């Protein structure tokens, strides 16, 4: 019996994947690199431990991942501050259904917990979640399963009682 849903945030709950994609390309371009679209997509929901060597393999060892990532974060924050953030279509209806039917819901995101909470508040949906687990709360981020294990424990459920809702191969 399914008693819990655990959602990735970016691209699943919030319409942010295109923002991240655009900002990855812009931050890399500022450093003189061109990230191929498939490479930018490949690092979705991926922690630094996996994303950095992947992008250096594609772009070369001179690619300064940390500088590009930090600039990408600035660009995303600026975009959201200027344009707001919206839930993905149908998400609010699904979350209300879960609430009405006593299905626990949590967020398991590579984004830091503080920033995830801020963005979910901005989208008007933070109060609909039982728990939010951020990437800064796990030793090993996605694609490792740690964040989902922590989310199931936070919901006080067994993994077999939960469904994970993801949009990227790294999260899956």
N, C-alpha and C. Protein backbone atom coordinates (compact mmCIF):
# COMPACT_ATOMS: atom_id res chain seq x y z
N UNK A 1 0.84 -1.19 0.00
CA UNK A 1 0.00 0.00 0.00
C UNK A 1 0.88 1.25 0.00
N UNK A 2 0.58 2.19 -0.88
CA UNK A 2 1.35 3.42 -0.97
C UNK A 2 0.83 4.40 0.07
N UNK A 3 1.75 4.85 0.94
CA UNK A 3 1.38 5.77 2.00
C UNK A 3 2.14 7.09 1.91
N UNK A 4 3.11 7.17 0.96
CA UNK A 4 3.89 8.38 0.83
C UNK A 4 4.38 8.63 -0.58
N UNK A 5 4.46 9.91 -0.93
CA UNK A 5 5.06 10.32 -2.20
C UNK A 5 6.23 11.24 -1.86
N UNK A 6 7.35 11.00 -2.53
CA UNK A 6 8.54 11.81 -2.32
C UNK A 6 8.89 12.44 -3.66
N UNK A 7 8.87 13.76 -3.67
CA UNK A 7 9.04 14.51 -4.91
C UNK A 7 10.41 15.14 -5.01
N UNK A 8 11.02 15.03 -6.19
CA UNK A 8 12.12 15.91 -6.55
C UNK A 8 11.49 17.30 -6.68
N UNK A 9 12.26 18.35 -6.54
CA UNK A 9 11.68 19.68 -6.59
C UNK A 9 11.78 20.32 -7.98
N UNK A 10 13.01 20.52 -8.46
CA UNK A 10 13.21 21.25 -9.71
C UNK A 10 12.81 20.39 -10.90
N UNK A 11 11.87 20.90 -11.67
CA UNK A 11 11.40 20.18 -12.84
C UNK A 11 10.21 19.29 -12.57
N UNK A 12 9.99 18.94 -11.30
CA UNK A 12 8.84 18.11 -10.93
C UNK A 12 7.78 18.98 -10.26
N UNK A 13 8.16 19.65 -9.20
CA UNK A 13 7.23 20.52 -8.48
C UNK A 13 7.25 21.94 -9.03
N UNK A 14 8.45 22.42 -9.30
CA UNK A 14 8.64 23.79 -9.76
C UNK A 14 9.15 23.82 -11.19
N UNK A 15 8.67 24.78 -11.95
CA UNK A 15 9.06 24.90 -13.34
C UNK A 15 10.39 25.63 -13.45
N UNK A 16 11.47 24.95 -13.02
CA UNK A 16 12.79 25.57 -12.94
C UNK A 16 13.87 24.93 -13.81
N UNK A 17 13.61 23.74 -14.34
CA UNK A 17 14.66 23.06 -15.10
C UNK A 17 15.17 23.91 -16.26
N UNK A 18 14.29 24.57 -16.98
CA UNK A 18 14.74 25.40 -18.12
C UNK A 18 15.59 26.57 -17.64
N UNK A 19 15.30 27.07 -16.42
CA UNK A 19 16.09 28.16 -15.86
C UNK A 19 17.50 27.66 -15.55
N UNK A 20 17.61 26.51 -14.90
CA UNK A 20 18.91 25.92 -14.59
C UNK A 20 19.71 25.66 -15.87
N UNK A 21 19.04 25.10 -16.86
CA UNK A 21 19.68 24.78 -18.13
C UNK A 21 20.27 26.04 -18.76
N UNK A 22 19.47 27.08 -18.86
CA UNK A 22 19.91 28.35 -19.45
C UNK A 22 21.05 28.96 -18.64
N UNK A 23 20.95 28.91 -17.32
CA UNK A 23 21.97 29.53 -16.48
C UNK A 23 23.28 28.74 -16.46
N UNK A 24 23.21 27.42 -16.60
CA UNK A 24 24.44 26.63 -16.74
C UNK A 24 25.18 27.08 -18.00
N UNK A 25 24.45 27.20 -19.08
CA UNK A 25 25.08 27.59 -20.34
C UNK A 25 25.67 29.01 -20.26
N UNK A 26 24.93 29.90 -19.62
CA UNK A 26 25.40 31.28 -19.49
C UNK A 26 26.63 31.38 -18.59
N UNK A 27 26.63 30.66 -17.47
CA UNK A 27 27.77 30.74 -16.55
C UNK A 27 29.03 30.14 -17.20
N UNK A 28 28.86 29.06 -17.92
CA UNK A 28 30.01 28.46 -18.61
C UNK A 28 30.54 29.39 -19.70
N UNK A 29 29.63 30.03 -20.43
CA UNK A 29 30.03 30.95 -21.49
C UNK A 29 30.83 32.12 -20.93
N UNK A 30 30.46 32.59 -19.74
CA UNK A 30 31.21 33.68 -19.10
C UNK A 30 32.66 33.27 -18.81
N UNK A 31 32.87 31.96 -18.66
CA UNK A 31 34.23 31.45 -18.41
C UNK A 31 34.91 30.99 -19.70
N UNK A 32 34.23 31.19 -20.82
CA UNK A 32 34.82 30.83 -22.11
C UNK A 32 34.56 29.40 -22.55
N UNK A 33 33.55 28.76 -21.98
CA UNK A 33 33.23 27.39 -22.32
C UNK A 33 31.81 27.31 -22.88
N UNK A 34 31.60 26.31 -23.71
CA UNK A 34 30.26 26.07 -24.26
C UNK A 34 29.82 24.68 -23.79
N UNK A 35 28.81 24.66 -22.94
CA UNK A 35 28.29 23.37 -22.46
C UNK A 35 27.29 22.86 -23.48
N UNK A 36 27.54 21.70 -24.06
CA UNK A 36 26.55 21.13 -24.99
C UNK A 36 25.23 20.89 -24.25
N UNK A 37 24.11 21.07 -24.93
CA UNK A 37 22.82 20.88 -24.26
C UNK A 37 22.69 19.54 -23.54
N UNK A 38 23.19 18.48 -24.15
CA UNK A 38 23.08 17.16 -23.51
C UNK A 38 23.91 17.06 -22.23
N UNK A 39 25.00 17.82 -22.14
CA UNK A 39 25.81 17.82 -20.92
C UNK A 39 25.11 18.60 -19.81
N UNK A 40 24.50 19.74 -20.17
CA UNK A 40 23.75 20.51 -19.17
C UNK A 40 22.59 19.69 -18.63
N UNK A 41 21.94 18.95 -19.50
CA UNK A 41 20.84 18.09 -19.07
C UNK A 41 21.34 16.92 -18.22
N UNK A 42 22.52 16.43 -18.53
CA UNK A 42 23.05 15.25 -17.84
C UNK A 42 23.37 15.51 -16.37
N UNK A 43 23.59 16.76 -15.99
CA UNK A 43 23.93 17.04 -14.60
C UNK A 43 22.72 17.50 -13.77
N UNK A 44 21.52 17.37 -14.34
CA UNK A 44 20.31 17.70 -13.57
C UNK A 44 20.25 16.85 -12.32
N UNK A 45 19.94 17.47 -11.21
CA UNK A 45 19.76 16.79 -9.91
C UNK A 45 21.01 16.08 -9.43
N UNK A 46 22.14 16.42 -9.99
CA UNK A 46 23.38 15.72 -9.68
C UNK A 46 24.24 16.53 -8.71
N UNK A 47 24.79 15.86 -7.71
CA UNK A 47 25.65 16.54 -6.75
C UNK A 47 27.04 16.79 -7.36
N UNK A 48 27.81 17.64 -6.70
CA UNK A 48 29.13 18.03 -7.19
C UNK A 48 30.05 16.82 -7.39
N UNK A 49 29.97 15.87 -6.49
CA UNK A 49 30.84 14.69 -6.56
C UNK A 49 30.76 14.01 -7.93
N UNK A 50 29.59 14.04 -8.54
CA UNK A 50 29.39 13.40 -9.84
C UNK A 50 29.41 14.40 -10.99
N UNK A 51 28.86 15.60 -10.77
CA UNK A 51 28.75 16.58 -11.85
C UNK A 51 30.11 17.15 -12.26
N UNK A 52 30.96 17.45 -11.28
CA UNK A 52 32.24 18.06 -11.60
C UNK A 52 33.11 17.19 -12.52
N UNK A 53 33.36 15.91 -12.17
CA UNK A 53 34.18 15.11 -13.08
C UNK A 53 33.52 14.89 -14.45
N UNK A 54 32.20 14.81 -14.46
CA UNK A 54 31.49 14.63 -15.73
C UNK A 54 31.73 15.84 -16.64
N UNK A 55 31.52 17.05 -16.11
CA UNK A 55 31.70 18.25 -16.93
C UNK A 55 33.15 18.48 -17.30
N UNK A 56 34.08 18.14 -16.41
CA UNK A 56 35.50 18.27 -16.75
C UNK A 56 35.90 17.28 -17.84
N UNK A 57 35.27 16.12 -17.85
CA UNK A 57 35.53 15.14 -18.91
C UNK A 57 35.05 15.69 -20.26
N UNK A 58 33.91 16.37 -20.25
CA UNK A 58 33.34 16.92 -21.48
C UNK A 58 34.08 18.19 -21.92
N UNK A 59 34.36 19.08 -20.96
CA UNK A 59 34.89 20.41 -21.29
C UNK A 59 36.39 20.57 -21.10
N UNK A 60 37.00 19.61 -20.41
CA UNK A 60 38.43 19.69 -20.15
C UNK A 60 38.72 20.05 -18.70
N UNK A 61 39.90 19.70 -18.27
CA UNK A 61 40.30 19.91 -16.87
C UNK A 61 40.39 21.38 -16.48
N UNK A 62 40.51 22.26 -17.45
CA UNK A 62 40.59 23.70 -17.14
C UNK A 62 39.23 24.30 -16.78
N UNK A 63 38.17 23.55 -17.00
CA UNK A 63 36.85 24.06 -16.66
C UNK A 63 36.73 24.17 -15.14
N UNK A 64 36.46 25.38 -14.66
CA UNK A 64 36.34 25.64 -13.22
C UNK A 64 34.89 25.40 -12.80
N UNK A 65 34.62 24.17 -12.43
CA UNK A 65 33.26 23.76 -12.09
C UNK A 65 32.68 24.60 -10.96
N UNK A 66 33.42 24.79 -9.90
CA UNK A 66 32.89 25.49 -8.72
C UNK A 66 32.52 26.94 -9.08
N UNK A 67 33.38 27.62 -9.81
CA UNK A 67 33.09 28.99 -10.22
C UNK A 67 31.85 29.03 -11.12
N UNK A 68 31.78 28.12 -12.08
CA UNK A 68 30.62 28.07 -12.98
C UNK A 68 29.35 27.73 -12.21
N UNK A 69 29.43 26.77 -11.29
CA UNK A 69 28.26 26.39 -10.50
C UNK A 69 27.79 27.54 -9.62
N UNK A 70 28.74 28.23 -8.97
CA UNK A 70 28.37 29.35 -8.10
C UNK A 70 27.75 30.49 -8.91
N UNK A 71 28.29 30.75 -10.09
CA UNK A 71 27.72 31.79 -10.95
C UNK A 71 26.34 31.36 -11.44
N UNK A 72 26.18 30.09 -11.77
CA UNK A 72 24.88 29.57 -12.18
C UNK A 72 23.86 29.77 -11.07
N UNK A 73 24.26 29.53 -9.84
CA UNK A 73 23.35 29.74 -8.70
C UNK A 73 22.94 31.21 -8.61
N UNK A 74 23.90 32.12 -8.80
CA UNK A 74 23.58 33.55 -8.78
C UNK A 74 22.58 33.91 -9.88
N UNK A 75 22.83 33.39 -11.07
CA UNK A 75 21.96 33.69 -12.21
C UNK A 75 20.55 33.16 -11.98
N UNK A 76 20.44 31.96 -11.44
CA UNK A 76 19.13 31.37 -11.14
C UNK A 76 18.40 32.21 -10.10
N UNK A 77 19.10 32.58 -9.03
CA UNK A 77 18.48 33.40 -7.98
C UNK A 77 18.01 34.74 -8.52
N UNK A 78 18.81 35.35 -9.37
CA UNK A 78 18.42 36.64 -9.97
C UNK A 78 17.19 36.46 -10.86
N UNK A 79 17.20 35.41 -11.66
CA UNK A 79 16.04 35.15 -12.53
C UNK A 79 14.77 34.97 -11.71
N UNK A 80 14.85 34.17 -10.66
CA UNK A 80 13.67 33.90 -9.83
C UNK A 80 13.23 35.17 -9.10
N UNK A 81 14.19 35.96 -8.61
CA UNK A 81 13.84 37.21 -7.94
C UNK A 81 13.11 38.17 -8.89
N UNK A 82 13.49 38.16 -10.15
CA UNK A 82 12.89 39.07 -11.13
C UNK A 82 11.59 38.53 -11.73
N UNK A 83 11.47 37.20 -11.80
CA UNK A 83 10.35 36.60 -12.54
C UNK A 83 9.43 35.72 -11.70
N UNK A 84 9.82 35.44 -10.48
CA UNK A 84 9.02 34.53 -9.66
C UNK A 84 9.24 33.09 -10.05
N UNK A 85 8.42 32.23 -9.48
CA UNK A 85 8.56 30.80 -9.72
C UNK A 85 7.16 30.19 -9.64
N UNK A 86 6.89 29.26 -10.52
CA UNK A 86 5.55 28.68 -10.59
C UNK A 86 5.60 27.17 -10.39
N UNK A 87 4.54 26.63 -9.77
CA UNK A 87 4.44 25.18 -9.70
C UNK A 87 4.20 24.61 -11.11
N UNK A 88 4.62 23.39 -11.31
CA UNK A 88 4.34 22.71 -12.57
C UNK A 88 2.83 22.46 -12.66
N UNK A 89 2.29 22.40 -13.85
CA UNK A 89 0.85 22.17 -14.00
C UNK A 89 0.42 20.86 -13.32
N UNK A 90 -0.68 20.92 -12.59
CA UNK A 90 -1.25 19.75 -11.95
C UNK A 90 -0.70 19.42 -10.58
N UNK A 91 0.41 20.03 -10.20
CA UNK A 91 1.06 19.68 -8.94
C UNK A 91 0.20 20.05 -7.73
N UNK A 92 -0.37 21.24 -7.73
CA UNK A 92 -1.17 21.66 -6.58
C UNK A 92 -2.37 20.74 -6.39
N UNK A 93 -2.98 20.34 -7.48
CA UNK A 93 -4.14 19.43 -7.42
C UNK A 93 -3.71 18.07 -6.83
N UNK A 94 -2.57 17.57 -7.25
CA UNK A 94 -2.06 16.30 -6.72
C UNK A 94 -1.74 16.41 -5.24
N UNK A 95 -1.11 17.50 -4.84
CA UNK A 95 -0.77 17.67 -3.42
C UNK A 95 -2.02 17.79 -2.55
N UNK A 96 -3.03 18.47 -3.04
CA UNK A 96 -4.30 18.56 -2.29
C UNK A 96 -4.95 17.18 -2.17
N UNK A 97 -4.89 16.40 -3.25
CA UNK A 97 -5.43 15.04 -3.23
C UNK A 97 -4.72 14.22 -2.16
N UNK A 98 -3.40 14.30 -2.13
CA UNK A 98 -2.63 13.56 -1.13
C UNK A 98 -3.03 13.99 0.29
N UNK A 99 -3.18 15.27 0.49
CA UNK A 99 -3.58 15.78 1.79
C UNK A 99 -4.95 15.24 2.18
N UNK A 100 -5.90 15.28 1.27
CA UNK A 100 -7.27 14.81 1.54
C UNK A 100 -7.31 13.31 1.83
N UNK A 101 -6.41 12.55 1.24
CA UNK A 101 -6.41 11.10 1.37
C UNK A 101 -5.33 10.58 2.33
N UNK A 102 -4.78 11.49 3.11
CA UNK A 102 -3.80 11.14 4.16
C UNK A 102 -2.58 10.42 3.60
N UNK A 103 -2.13 10.86 2.43
CA UNK A 103 -0.89 10.35 1.84
C UNK A 103 0.19 11.37 2.20
N UNK A 104 1.20 10.93 2.91
CA UNK A 104 2.30 11.82 3.31
C UNK A 104 3.11 12.23 2.10
N UNK A 105 3.57 13.46 2.09
CA UNK A 105 4.38 13.94 0.97
C UNK A 105 5.63 14.64 1.49
N UNK A 106 6.73 14.39 0.81
CA UNK A 106 8.00 15.00 1.16
C UNK A 106 8.70 15.46 -0.11
N UNK A 107 9.69 16.30 0.08
CA UNK A 107 10.54 16.76 -1.01
C UNK A 107 11.93 16.19 -0.76
N UNK A 108 12.56 15.68 -1.81
CA UNK A 108 13.94 15.21 -1.76
C UNK A 108 14.66 15.89 -2.93
N UNK A 109 15.37 16.97 -2.63
CA UNK A 109 15.96 17.79 -3.68
C UNK A 109 17.46 17.96 -3.50
N UNK A 110 18.16 18.07 -4.60
CA UNK A 110 19.59 18.34 -4.56
C UNK A 110 19.87 19.77 -4.07
N UNK A 111 18.87 20.62 -4.14
CA UNK A 111 18.98 22.00 -3.67
C UNK A 111 19.11 22.00 -2.14
N UNK A 112 19.79 22.99 -1.59
CA UNK A 112 19.91 23.08 -0.13
C UNK A 112 18.52 23.22 0.49
N UNK A 113 18.38 22.76 1.72
CA UNK A 113 17.08 22.82 2.38
C UNK A 113 16.60 24.26 2.51
N UNK A 114 17.46 25.18 2.90
CA UNK A 114 17.08 26.57 3.07
C UNK A 114 16.53 27.15 1.77
N UNK A 115 17.24 26.92 0.68
CA UNK A 115 16.82 27.45 -0.61
C UNK A 115 15.55 26.75 -1.12
N UNK A 116 15.46 25.45 -0.87
CA UNK A 116 14.25 24.71 -1.27
C UNK A 116 13.03 25.27 -0.56
N UNK A 117 13.14 25.48 0.73
CA UNK A 117 12.03 26.03 1.50
C UNK A 117 11.65 27.42 0.98
N UNK A 118 12.65 28.24 0.71
CA UNK A 118 12.42 29.58 0.18
C UNK A 118 11.65 29.53 -1.15
N UNK A 119 12.07 28.64 -2.04
CA UNK A 119 11.44 28.55 -3.36
C UNK A 119 10.04 27.94 -3.27
N UNK A 120 9.86 26.97 -2.40
CA UNK A 120 8.53 26.39 -2.22
C UNK A 120 7.57 27.42 -1.60
N UNK A 121 8.08 28.24 -0.71
CA UNK A 121 7.27 29.32 -0.13
C UNK A 121 6.88 30.32 -1.22
N UNK A 122 7.83 30.69 -2.05
CA UNK A 122 7.58 31.63 -3.13
C UNK A 122 6.50 31.10 -4.08
N UNK A 123 6.48 29.79 -4.28
CA UNK A 123 5.48 29.17 -5.15
C UNK A 123 4.16 28.89 -4.42
N UNK A 124 4.12 29.17 -3.11
CA UNK A 124 2.90 28.98 -2.33
C UNK A 124 2.57 27.54 -2.03
N UNK A 125 3.59 26.70 -1.88
CA UNK A 125 3.30 25.28 -1.67
C UNK A 125 4.04 24.64 -0.50
N UNK A 126 4.85 25.39 0.22
CA UNK A 126 5.68 24.79 1.28
C UNK A 126 4.87 24.13 2.38
N UNK A 127 3.71 24.65 2.70
CA UNK A 127 2.91 24.10 3.79
C UNK A 127 2.25 22.77 3.45
N UNK A 128 2.30 22.38 2.19
CA UNK A 128 1.68 21.13 1.77
C UNK A 128 2.56 19.91 2.00
N UNK A 129 3.81 20.13 2.43
CA UNK A 129 4.75 19.02 2.60
C UNK A 129 4.96 18.68 4.06
N UNK A 130 4.99 17.38 4.33
CA UNK A 130 5.28 16.88 5.67
C UNK A 130 6.74 17.14 6.01
N UNK A 131 7.62 16.93 5.04
CA UNK A 131 9.07 17.11 5.24
C UNK A 131 9.74 17.57 3.95
N UNK A 132 10.83 18.30 4.14
CA UNK A 132 11.67 18.72 3.03
C UNK A 132 13.09 18.30 3.37
N UNK A 133 13.70 17.51 2.48
CA UNK A 133 15.08 17.08 2.67
C UNK A 133 15.91 17.70 1.56
N UNK A 134 16.93 18.46 1.96
CA UNK A 134 17.79 19.14 1.00
C UNK A 134 19.08 18.39 0.75
N UNK A 135 19.69 18.70 -0.37
CA UNK A 135 20.95 18.06 -0.74
C UNK A 135 22.07 18.30 0.25
N UNK A 136 21.97 19.38 1.02
CA UNK A 136 22.98 19.68 2.03
C UNK A 136 22.82 18.83 3.29
N UNK A 137 21.81 17.99 3.33
CA UNK A 137 21.57 17.15 4.50
C UNK A 137 22.01 15.70 4.29
N UNK A 138 22.62 15.42 3.16
CA UNK A 138 23.06 14.06 2.87
C UNK A 138 24.56 14.04 2.61
N UNK A 139 25.17 12.94 2.97
CA UNK A 139 26.60 12.78 2.73
C UNK A 139 26.87 12.61 1.24
N UNK A 140 26.06 11.82 0.60
CA UNK A 140 26.25 11.54 -0.83
C UNK A 140 24.94 11.86 -1.56
N UNK A 141 24.99 12.88 -2.42
CA UNK A 141 23.80 13.33 -3.14
C UNK A 141 23.44 12.44 -4.32
N UNK A 142 22.38 12.86 -5.01
CA UNK A 142 21.92 12.12 -6.19
C UNK A 142 23.06 12.02 -7.20
N UNK A 143 23.26 10.90 -7.81
CA UNK A 143 22.35 9.79 -8.00
C UNK A 143 22.35 8.74 -6.89
N UNK A 144 23.11 8.92 -5.83
CA UNK A 144 23.05 7.98 -4.70
C UNK A 144 21.64 8.06 -4.09
N UNK A 145 21.15 7.00 -3.51
CA UNK A 145 19.78 6.98 -2.98
C UNK A 145 19.62 7.58 -1.58
N UNK A 146 20.69 8.08 -0.99
CA UNK A 146 20.67 8.55 0.40
C UNK A 146 19.53 9.51 0.71
N UNK A 147 19.29 10.47 -0.18
CA UNK A 147 18.28 11.49 0.10
C UNK A 147 16.88 10.87 0.19
N UNK A 148 16.63 9.84 -0.61
CA UNK A 148 15.33 9.17 -0.55
C UNK A 148 15.21 8.32 0.71
N UNK A 149 16.28 7.74 1.14
CA UNK A 149 16.26 6.98 2.40
C UNK A 149 15.93 7.91 3.57
N UNK A 150 16.56 9.07 3.59
CA UNK A 150 16.30 10.04 4.67
C UNK A 150 14.84 10.51 4.60
N UNK A 151 14.34 10.75 3.41
CA UNK A 151 12.95 11.20 3.26
C UNK A 151 11.96 10.15 3.74
N UNK A 152 12.21 8.88 3.43
CA UNK A 152 11.28 7.84 3.91
C UNK A 152 11.30 7.77 5.44
N UNK A 153 12.48 7.90 6.02
CA UNK A 153 12.57 7.91 7.50
C UNK A 153 11.87 9.12 8.07
N UNK A 154 12.01 10.29 7.43
CA UNK A 154 11.34 11.50 7.91
C UNK A 154 9.83 11.34 7.88
N UNK A 155 9.33 10.60 6.89
CA UNK A 155 7.90 10.33 6.80
C UNK A 155 7.46 9.19 7.73
N UNK A 156 8.46 8.54 8.35
CA UNK A 156 8.22 7.37 9.20
C UNK A 156 7.52 6.25 8.42
N UNK A 157 8.04 6.03 7.22
CA UNK A 157 7.51 4.99 6.34
C UNK A 157 8.66 4.11 5.85
N UNK A 158 8.31 2.94 5.37
CA UNK A 158 9.28 2.06 4.73
C UNK A 158 9.38 2.46 3.25
N UNK A 159 10.54 2.25 2.64
CA UNK A 159 10.68 2.61 1.22
C UNK A 159 9.61 1.96 0.33
N UNK A 160 9.24 0.73 0.63
CA UNK A 160 8.24 0.05 -0.20
C UNK A 160 6.83 0.64 -0.05
N UNK A 161 6.66 1.57 0.89
CA UNK A 161 5.38 2.26 1.06
C UNK A 161 5.35 3.60 0.33
N UNK A 162 6.44 3.91 -0.36
CA UNK A 162 6.57 5.23 -0.99
C UNK A 162 6.81 5.12 -2.49
N UNK A 163 6.44 6.18 -3.16
CA UNK A 163 6.76 6.34 -4.57
C UNK A 163 7.60 7.60 -4.70
N UNK A 164 8.70 7.51 -5.44
CA UNK A 164 9.52 8.67 -5.73
C UNK A 164 9.08 9.23 -7.08
N UNK A 165 8.94 10.55 -7.14
CA UNK A 165 8.54 11.21 -8.38
C UNK A 165 9.73 12.05 -8.84
N UNK A 166 10.33 11.64 -9.94
CA UNK A 166 11.56 12.25 -10.46
C UNK A 166 11.43 12.55 -11.94
N UNK A 167 12.25 13.48 -12.41
CA UNK A 167 12.26 13.81 -13.82
C UNK A 167 13.62 13.64 -14.48
N UNK A 168 14.64 13.28 -13.71
CA UNK A 168 15.96 13.15 -14.30
C UNK A 168 16.55 11.77 -14.04
N UNK A 169 17.33 11.29 -14.98
CA UNK A 169 17.99 9.98 -14.77
C UNK A 169 18.83 9.95 -13.51
N UNK A 170 19.46 11.07 -13.14
CA UNK A 170 20.29 11.08 -11.92
C UNK A 170 19.46 10.87 -10.67
N UNK A 171 18.28 11.42 -10.65
CA UNK A 171 17.40 11.22 -9.50
C UNK A 171 16.81 9.82 -9.46
N UNK A 172 16.54 9.29 -10.63
CA UNK A 172 15.96 7.94 -10.70
C UNK A 172 16.99 6.92 -10.29
